[in-house]
Amino acid sequence: MTDPHPTRPSDPPRRRKRLKWEPWALMLLVMGLGMYLIWSPISGLKGPRPAPGTRAIELRVGGQRGIVEVDDRAAAPAFRVLLRNGYESPIMDARAFASMFGEESLRAATRTESPLFRVLNITSWTGLVWVLLGFAGQLAFTGRMLVQWLVSERKKASVIPEVFWWMSLIGGVLLFTYFVWRQDFIGVLGQSSGVVIYARNLRLIHKKRRRAAARPDPERSAEGVSTDISAS
């Protein structure tokens, strides 16, 4: 006779899921690789490098990009053009540099540069305003993720509040403007699609809200019916 309640082997105890460390390690590895590529002396990635003791000013001629190396340690400054394609011009004096690039470029190249301008890769206070605009856009982008995370933690579910899309839109517009000023094609391309998506989500939210407001409230309608019956 077959036992109706056969003995089953007990299920093995479930192990608690541990927090995986691999994604965090990979994130740190990618971040470190990016910083290494930015600051390493690899000429092919970093671009032309000025000689020690000289200053570098960004240069763009048509489709070519590079720097102007300014050596103002002597009484008369000397200039040299270094392009990313490997071209290095002969050393020029102020007159030769002005004849090639103009007097305004000569004044800009010989102007004393602020350390802050050097760090931010700008040449004027107007450029600082544009950089602050980019910082504001990036701050809005970072803040939107913090807001979404805090709201989700409070409701114990993944939630995207409306303010997330507003901060995304504001940050996207500011970064788009900043990348246009920097003439950064990749940045402009990335923000172009994002701005449209953020605006579209806000439009859908407000359309849903208007439809809900126009829809009659069932409880209010039931109250009106009972009032009419009692009046009769």
C-alpha atoms as a PDB file:
ATOM      1  CA  MET A   1       0.000   0.000   0.000  1.00  0.00           C
ATOM      2  CA  THR A   2       1.339   3.349  -0.990  1.00  0.00           C
ATOM      3  CA  ASP A   3       1.883   5.871   1.759  1.00  0.00           C
ATOM      4  CA  PRO A   4      -0.434   8.873   1.033  1.00  0.00           C
ATOM      5  CA  HIS A   5       1.947  11.155   2.819  1.00  0.00           C
ATOM      6  CA  PRO A   6       5.416  10.236   1.646  1.00  0.00           C
ATOM      7  CA  THR A   7       8.271  11.683   3.561  1.00  0.00           C
ATOM      8  CA  ARG A   8       9.854  14.528   1.621  1.00  0.00           C
ATOM      9  CA  PRO A   9      13.360  15.689   2.222  1.00  0.00           C
ATOM     10  CA  SER A  10      13.352  18.953   4.077  1.00  0.00           C
ATOM     11  CA  ASP A  11      14.069  21.990   1.965  1.00  0.00           C
ATOM     12  CA  PRO A  12      17.537  23.418   2.502  1.00  0.00           C
ATOM     13  CA  PRO A  13      17.540  26.636   4.517  1.00  0.00           C
ATOM     14  CA  ARG A  14      17.422  29.733   2.356  1.00  0.00           C
ATOM     15  CA  ARG A  15      20.498  31.837   2.397  1.00  0.00           C
ATOM     16  CA  ARG A  16      20.116  35.550   2.833  1.00  0.00           C
ATOM     17  CA  LYS A  17      20.877  37.501  -0.290  1.00  0.00           C
ATOM     18  CA  ARG A  18      24.039  39.457   0.189  1.00  0.00           C
ATOM     19  CA  LEU A  19      24.704  42.849  -1.296  1.00  0.00           C
ATOM     20  CA  LYS A  20      26.860  42.273  -4.355  1.00  0.00           C
ATOM     21  CA  TRP A  21      30.147  44.117  -4.313  1.00  0.00           C
ATOM     22  CA  GLU A  22      31.023  43.493  -7.965  1.00  0.00           C
ATOM     23  CA  PRO A  23      28.918  46.369  -9.425  1.00  0.00           C
ATOM     24  CA  TRP A  24      30.458  48.829  -6.972  1.00  0.00           C
ATOM     25  CA  ALA A  25      33.941  47.614  -7.780  1.00  0.00           C
ATOM     26  CA  LEU A  26      33.267  47.888 -11.507  1.00  0.00           C
ATOM     27  CA  MET A  27      31.901  51.409 -11.015  1.00  0.00           C
ATOM     28  CA  LEU A  28      35.045  52.468  -9.160  1.00  0.00           C
ATOM     29  CA  LEU A  29      37.219  50.785 -11.797  1.00  0.00           C
ATOM     30  CA  VAL A  30      35.525  52.665 -14.651  1.00  0.00           C
ATOM     31  CA  MET A  31      35.754  55.925 -12.703  1.00  0.00           C
ATOM     32  CA  GLY A  32      39.454  55.377 -12.046  1.00  0.00           C
ATOM     33  CA  LEU A  33      40.055  54.511 -15.700  1.00  0.00           C
ATOM     34  CA  GLY A  34      38.345  57.724 -16.786  1.00  0.00           C
ATOM     35  CA  MET A  35      40.436  59.837 -14.411  1.00  0.00           C
ATOM     36  CA  TYR A  36      43.606  58.071 -15.598  1.00  0.00           C
ATOM     37  CA  LEU A  37      42.805  58.761 -19.249  1.00  0.00           C
ATOM     38  CA  ILE A  38      42.157  62.424 -18.447  1.00  0.00           C
ATOM     39  CA  TRP A  39      45.282  63.078 -16.384  1.00  0.00           C
ATOM     40  CA  SER A  40      47.753  60.532 -17.761  1.00  0.00           C
ATOM     41  CA  PRO A  41      50.621  61.674 -19.996  1.00  0.00           C
ATOM     42  CA  ILE A  42      49.406  59.539 -22.931  1.00  0.00           C
ATOM     43  CA  SER A  43      49.767  62.022 -25.766  1.00  0.00           C
ATOM     44  CA  GLY A  44      47.330  60.252 -28.049  1.00  0.00           C
ATOM     45  CA  LEU A  45      44.498  60.671 -25.540  1.00  0.00           C
ATOM     46  CA  LYS A  46      45.485  63.828 -23.717  1.00  0.00           C
ATOM     47  CA  GLY A  47      46.470  65.778 -26.820  1.00  0.00           C
ATOM     48  CA  PRO A  48      49.552  67.959 -27.328  1.00  0.00           C
ATOM     49  CA  ARG A  49      51.538  68.733 -24.201  1.00  0.00           C
ATOM     50  CA  PRO A  50      53.264  72.069 -23.688  1.00  0.00           C
ATOM     51  CA  ALA A  51      56.869  72.207 -22.559  1.00  0.00           C
ATOM     52  CA  PRO A  52      57.447  72.522 -18.797  1.00  0.00           C
ATOM     53  CA  GLY A  53      57.247  76.127 -17.590  1.00  0.00           C
ATOM     54  CA  THR A  54      55.040  77.313 -20.461  1.00  0.00           C
ATOM     55  CA  ARG A  55      51.337  78.124 -20.661  1.00  0.00           C
ATOM     56  CA  ALA A  56      48.814  76.508 -22.977  1.00  0.00           C
ATOM     57  CA  ILE A  57      45.853  78.212 -24.648  1.00  0.00           C
ATOM     58  CA  GLU A  58      43.237  76.150 -26.440  1.00  0.00           C
ATOM     59  CA  LEU A  59      43.256  76.561 -30.214  1.00  0.00           C
ATOM     60  CA  ARG A  60      40.792  75.526 -32.883  1.00  0.00           C
ATOM     61  CA  VAL A  61      41.456  76.070 -36.592  1.00  0.00           C
ATOM     62  CA  GLY A  62      38.736  74.669 -38.833  1.00  0.00           C
ATOM     63  CA  GLY A  63      38.435  71.002 -37.943  1.00  0.00           C
ATOM     64  CA  GLN A  64      41.794  70.898 -36.175  1.00  0.00           C
ATOM     65  CA  ARG A  65      42.188  71.387 -32.439  1.00  0.00           C
ATOM     66  CA  GLY A  66      45.274  71.956 -30.344  1.00  0.00           C
ATOM     67  CA  ILE A  67      47.015  74.524 -28.176  1.00  0.00           C
ATOM     68  CA  VAL A  68      49.173  77.596 -28.432  1.00  0.00           C
ATOM     69  CA  GLU A  69      52.241  77.166 -26.237  1.00  0.00           C
ATOM     70  CA  VAL A  70      53.203  80.498 -24.688  1.00  0.00           C
ATOM     71  CA  ASP A  71      56.675  80.871 -23.188  1.00  0.00           C
ATOM     72  CA  ASP A  72      56.767  84.194 -21.341  1.00  0.00           C
ATOM     73  CA  ARG A  73      59.688  83.438 -19.041  1.00  0.00           C
ATOM     74  CA  ALA A  74      61.991  85.650 -21.095  1.00  0.00           C
ATOM     75  CA  ALA A  75      61.627  89.377 -21.779  1.00  0.00           C
ATOM     76  CA  ALA A  76      60.019  88.695 -25.141  1.00  0.00           C
ATOM     77  CA  PRO A  77      57.337  85.986 -25.242  1.00  0.00           C
ATOM     78  CA  ALA A  78      57.640  83.095 -27.673  1.00  0.00           C
ATOM     79  CA  PHE A  79      54.820  81.084 -29.218  1.00  0.00           C
ATOM     80  CA  ARG A  80      54.419  77.647 -30.732  1.00  0.00           C
ATOM     81  CA  VAL A  81      51.320  75.949 -32.218  1.00  0.00           C
ATOM     82  CA  LEU A  82      50.753  72.298 -31.309  1.00  0.00           C
ATOM     83  CA  LEU A  83      47.873  70.435 -32.963  1.00  0.00           C
ATOM     84  CA  ARG A  84      46.377  67.086 -31.996  1.00  0.00           C
ATOM     85  CA  ASN A  85      47.328  65.591 -35.346  1.00  0.00           C
ATOM     86  CA  GLY A  86      50.995  65.919 -34.366  1.00  0.00           C
ATOM     87  CA  TYR A  87      51.810  69.201 -36.110  1.00  0.00           C
ATOM     88  CA  GLU A  88      54.280  71.488 -34.289  1.00  0.00           C
ATOM     89  CA  SER A  89      54.989  74.930 -35.679  1.00  0.00           C
ATOM     90  CA  PRO A  90      58.367  76.638 -35.405  1.00  0.00           C
ATOM     91  CA  ILE A  91      58.842  78.970 -32.447  1.00  0.00           C
ATOM     92  CA  MET A  92      57.401  82.410 -33.286  1.00  0.00           C
ATOM     93  CA  ASP A  93      57.942  85.829 -31.762  1.00  0.00           C
ATOM     94  CA  ALA A  94      55.091  88.241 -30.995  1.00  0.00           C
ATOM     95  CA  ARG A  95      55.195  89.845 -34.450  1.00  0.00           C
ATOM     96  CA  ALA A  96      54.997  86.526 -36.310  1.00  0.00           C
ATOM     97  CA  PHE A  97      52.222  85.305 -34.035  1.00  0.00           C
ATOM     98  CA  ALA A  98      50.205  88.522 -34.542  1.00  0.00           C
ATOM     99  CA  SER A  99      50.621  88.334 -38.316  1.00  0.00           C
ATOM    100  CA  MET A 100      49.220  84.803 -38.267  1.00  0.00           C
ATOM    101  CA  PHE A 101      46.429  85.110 -35.687  1.00  0.00           C
ATOM    102  CA  GLY A 102      45.837  88.859 -35.277  1.00  0.00           C
ATOM    103  CA  GLU A 103      46.528  91.472 -32.624  1.00  0.00           C
ATOM    104  CA  GLU A 104      43.526  90.476 -30.485  1.00  0.00           C
ATOM    105  CA  SER A 105      44.800  86.904 -30.241  1.00  0.00           C
ATOM    106  CA  LEU A 106      48.219  88.216 -29.281  1.00  0.00           C
ATOM    107  CA  ARG A 107      46.745  90.312 -26.451  1.00  0.00           C
ATOM    108  CA  ALA A 108      44.729  87.336 -25.231  1.00  0.00           C
ATOM    109  CA  ALA A 109      47.780  85.050 -25.324  1.00  0.00           C
ATOM    110  CA  THR A 110      50.024  87.459 -23.397  1.00  0.00           C
ATOM    111  CA  ARG A 111      47.388  88.382 -20.805  1.00  0.00           C
ATOM    112  CA  THR A 112      48.156  87.088 -17.321  1.00  0.00           C
ATOM    113  CA  GLU A 113      45.966  84.076 -16.705  1.00  0.00           C
ATOM    114  CA  SER A 114      44.180  83.432 -13.426  1.00  0.00           C
ATOM    115  CA  PRO A 115      44.755  79.982 -11.833  1.00  0.00           C
ATOM    116  CA  LEU A 116      40.979  79.595 -11.652  1.00  0.00           C
ATOM    117  CA  PHE A 117      40.688  80.228 -15.390  1.00  0.00           C
ATOM    118  CA  ARG A 118      43.394  77.651 -16.030  1.00  0.00           C
ATOM    119  CA  VAL A 119      41.600  74.982 -13.982  1.00  0.00           C
ATOM    120  CA  LEU A 120      38.230  75.663 -15.652  1.00  0.00           C
ATOM    121  CA  ASN A 121      39.786  75.986 -19.134  1.00  0.00           C
ATOM    122  CA  ILE A 122      38.380  79.486 -19.726  1.00  0.00           C
ATOM    123  CA  THR A 123      39.923  82.818 -20.664  1.00  0.00           C
ATOM    124  CA  SER A 124      37.498  85.446 -19.308  1.00  0.00           C
ATOM    125  CA  TRP A 125      34.898  86.198 -16.647  1.00  0.00           C
ATOM    126  CA  THR A 126      32.231  85.653 -19.278  1.00  0.00           C
ATOM    127  CA  GLY A 127      33.485  82.102 -19.625  1.00  0.00           C
ATOM    128  CA  LEU A 128      33.150  81.705 -15.862  1.00  0.00           C
ATOM    129  CA  VAL A 129      29.442  82.578 -16.154  1.00  0.00           C
ATOM    130  CA  TRP A 130      29.008  79.831 -18.743  1.00  0.00           C
ATOM    131  CA  VAL A 131      30.841  77.323 -16.535  1.00  0.00           C
ATOM    132  CA  LEU A 132      28.596  78.228 -13.585  1.00  0.00           C
ATOM    133  CA  LEU A 133      25.635  77.627 -15.884  1.00  0.00           C
ATOM    134  CA  GLY A 134      26.967  74.150 -16.619  1.00  0.00           C
ATOM    135  CA  PHE A 135      27.527  73.496 -12.912  1.00  0.00           C
ATOM    136  CA  ALA A 136      23.936  74.515 -12.182  1.00  0.00           C
ATOM    137  CA  GLY A 137      22.675  72.083 -14.814  1.00  0.00           C
ATOM    138  CA  GLN A 138      24.759  69.264 -13.409  1.00  0.00           C
ATOM    139  CA  LEU A 139      23.584  70.094  -9.881  1.00  0.00           C
ATOM    140  CA  ALA A 140      19.959  69.829 -11.030  1.00  0.00           C
ATOM    141  CA  PHE A 141      20.730  66.468 -12.636  1.00  0.00           C
ATOM    142  CA  THR A 142      22.327  65.145  -9.456  1.00  0.00           C
ATOM    143  CA  GLY A 143      19.563  66.565  -7.273  1.00  0.00           C
ATOM    144  CA  ARG A 144      16.806  64.884  -9.264  1.00  0.00           C
ATOM    145  CA  MET A 145      18.209  61.444  -8.477  1.00  0.00           C
ATOM    146  CA  LEU A 146      18.486  62.259  -4.781  1.00  0.00           C
ATOM    147  CA  VAL A 147      14.882  63.481  -4.728  1.00  0.00           C
ATOM    148  CA  GLN A 148      13.651  60.349  -6.519  1.00  0.00           C
ATOM    149  CA  TRP A 149      15.574  58.126  -4.132  1.00  0.00           C
ATOM    150  CA  LEU A 150      14.267  59.893  -1.006  1.00  0.00           C
ATOM    151  CA  VAL A 151      10.644  59.775  -2.219  1.00  0.00           C
ATOM    152  CA  SER A 152      10.985  56.072  -3.073  1.00  0.00           C
ATOM    153  CA  GLU A 153      12.476  55.297   0.333  1.00  0.00           C
ATOM    154  CA  ARG A 154       9.643  57.152   2.055  1.00  0.00           C
ATOM    155  CA  LYS A 155       6.932  55.256   0.140  1.00  0.00           C
ATOM    156  CA  LYS A 156       8.810  51.922   0.193  1.00  0.00           C
ATOM    157  CA  ALA A 157       8.380  51.602  -3.575  1.00  0.00           C
ATOM    158  CA  SER A 158      10.077  52.858  -6.714  1.00  0.00           C
ATOM    159  CA  VAL A 159       8.367  56.184  -7.442  1.00  0.00           C
ATOM    160  CA  ILE A 160       9.189  58.956  -9.911  1.00  0.00           C
ATOM    161  CA  PRO A 161       7.707  62.225  -8.603  1.00  0.00           C
ATOM    162  CA  GLU A 162       6.778  65.086 -10.896  1.00  0.00           C
ATOM    163  CA  VAL A 163       9.602  67.237  -9.537  1.00  0.00           C
ATOM    164  CA  PHE A 164      12.041  64.659 -10.947  1.00  0.00           C
ATOM    165  CA  TRP A 165      10.954  65.559 -14.480  1.00  0.00           C
ATOM    166  CA  TRP A 166      11.041  69.305 -13.756  1.00  0.00           C
ATOM    167  CA  MET A 167      14.599  69.069 -12.434  1.00  0.00           C
ATOM    168  CA  SER A 168      15.541  66.905 -15.423  1.00  0.00           C
ATOM    169  CA  LEU A 169      14.123  69.467 -17.842  1.00  0.00           C
ATOM    170  CA  ILE A 170      15.834  72.429 -16.160  1.00  0.00           C
ATOM    171  CA  GLY A 171      19.147  70.588 -15.902  1.00  0.00           C
ATOM    172  CA  GLY A 172      18.891  69.385 -19.505  1.00  0.00           C
ATOM    173  CA  VAL A 173      18.260  72.889 -20.853  1.00  0.00           C
ATOM    174  CA  LEU A 174      21.147  74.355 -18.840  1.00  0.00           C
ATOM    175  CA  LEU A 175      23.556  71.610 -19.910  1.00  0.00           C
ATOM    176  CA  PHE A 176      22.409  71.851 -23.526  1.00  0.00           C
ATOM    177  CA  THR A 177      23.189  75.600 -23.457  1.00  0.00           C
ATOM    178  CA  TYR A 178      26.556  74.965 -21.840  1.00  0.00           C
ATOM    179  CA  PHE A 179      27.554  72.282 -24.371  1.00  0.00           C
ATOM    180  CA  VAL A 180      26.554  74.582 -27.238  1.00  0.00           C
ATOM    181  CA  TRP A 181      28.921  77.210 -25.838  1.00  0.00           C
ATOM    182  CA  ARG A 182      31.661  74.606 -25.465  1.00  0.00           C
ATOM    183  CA  GLN A 183      30.904  73.358 -28.991  1.00  0.00           C
ATOM    184  CA  ASP A 184      30.724  69.825 -27.598  1.00  0.00           C
ATOM    185  CA  PHE A 185      28.858  67.757 -30.188  1.00  0.00           C
ATOM    186  CA  ILE A 186      28.469  64.687 -27.973  1.00  0.00           C
ATOM    187  CA  GLY A 187      27.055  66.703 -25.093  1.00  0.00           C
ATOM    188  CA  VAL A 188      24.616  68.545 -27.352  1.00  0.00           C
ATOM    189  CA  LEU A 189      23.511  65.265 -28.932  1.00  0.00           C
ATOM    190  CA  GLY A 190      22.916  63.632 -25.558  1.00  0.00           C
ATOM    191  CA  GLN A 191      20.887  66.529 -24.123  1.00  0.00           C
ATOM    192  CA  SER A 192      18.837  67.090 -27.289  1.00  0.00           C
ATOM    193  CA  SER A 193      16.916  63.845 -26.891  1.00  0.00           C
ATOM    194  CA  GLY A 194      16.710  64.156 -23.122  1.00  0.00           C
ATOM    195  CA  VAL A 195      15.063  67.592 -23.107  1.00  0.00           C
ATOM    196  CA  VAL A 196      12.315  66.355 -25.429  1.00  0.00           C
ATOM    197  CA  ILE A 197      11.674  63.268 -23.292  1.00  0.00           C
ATOM    198  CA  TYR A 198      11.481  65.266 -20.052  1.00  0.00           C
ATOM    199  CA  ALA A 199       9.067  67.788 -21.550  1.00  0.00           C
ATOM    200  CA  ARG A 200       6.924  64.992 -22.976  1.00  0.00           C
ATOM    201  CA  ASN A 201       6.622  63.290 -19.587  1.00  0.00           C
ATOM    202  CA  LEU A 202       5.510  66.547 -17.972  1.00  0.00           C
ATOM    203  CA  ARG A 203       2.899  67.032 -20.700  1.00  0.00           C
ATOM    204  CA  LEU A 204       1.532  63.511 -20.157  1.00  0.00           C
ATOM    205  CA  ILE A 205       1.318  64.107 -16.400  1.00  0.00           C
ATOM    206  CA  HIS A 206      -0.666  67.324 -16.845  1.00  0.00           C
ATOM    207  CA  LYS A 207      -2.941  65.793 -19.486  1.00  0.00           C
ATOM    208  CA  LYS A 208      -3.767  62.958 -17.091  1.00  0.00           C
ATOM    209  CA  ARG A 209      -4.471  65.489 -14.345  1.00  0.00           C
ATOM    210  CA  ARG A 210      -6.837  67.495 -16.571  1.00  0.00           C
ATOM    211  CA  ARG A 211      -8.733  64.355 -17.587  1.00  0.00           C
ATOM    212  CA  ALA A 212      -9.112  63.344 -13.943  1.00  0.00           C
ATOM    213  CA  ALA A 213     -10.440  66.795 -13.069  1.00  0.00           C
ATOM    214  CA  ALA A 214     -12.981  66.703 -15.913  1.00  0.00           C
ATOM    215  CA  ARG A 215     -14.232  63.215 -14.980  1.00  0.00           C
ATOM    216  CA  PRO A 216     -17.375  63.337 -12.737  1.00  0.00           C
ATOM    217  CA  ASP A 217     -16.908  62.189  -9.149  1.00  0.00           C
ATOM    218  CA  PRO A 218     -19.104  59.075  -8.443  1.00  0.00           C
ATOM    219  CA  GLU A 219     -19.576  59.986  -4.766  1.00  0.00           C
ATOM    220  CA  ARG A 220     -20.678  63.500  -5.608  1.00  0.00           C
ATOM    221  CA  SER A 221     -23.142  62.162  -8.215  1.00  0.00           C
ATOM    222  CA  ALA A 222     -24.625  59.703  -5.679  1.00  0.00           C
ATOM    223  CA  GLU A 223     -25.173  62.517  -3.192  1.00  0.00           C
ATOM    224  CA  GLY A 224     -27.047  64.526  -5.837  1.00  0.00           C
ATOM    225  CA  VAL A 225     -29.346  61.580  -6.635  1.00  0.00           C
ATOM    226  CA  SER A 226     -30.238  60.939  -2.969  1.00  0.00           C
ATOM    227  CA  THR A 227     -30.981  64.621  -2.461  1.00  0.00           C
ATOM    228  CA  ASP A 228     -33.398  64.665  -5.418  1.00  0.00           C
ATOM    229  CA  ILE A 229     -35.249  61.553  -4.121  1.00  0.00           C
ATOM    230  CA  SER A 230     -35.684  62.975  -0.647  1.00  0.00           C
ATOM    231  CA  ALA A 231     -36.967  66.260  -2.073  1.00  0.00           C
ATOM    232  CA  SER A 232     -39.660  64.453  -4.041  1.00  0.00           C
END
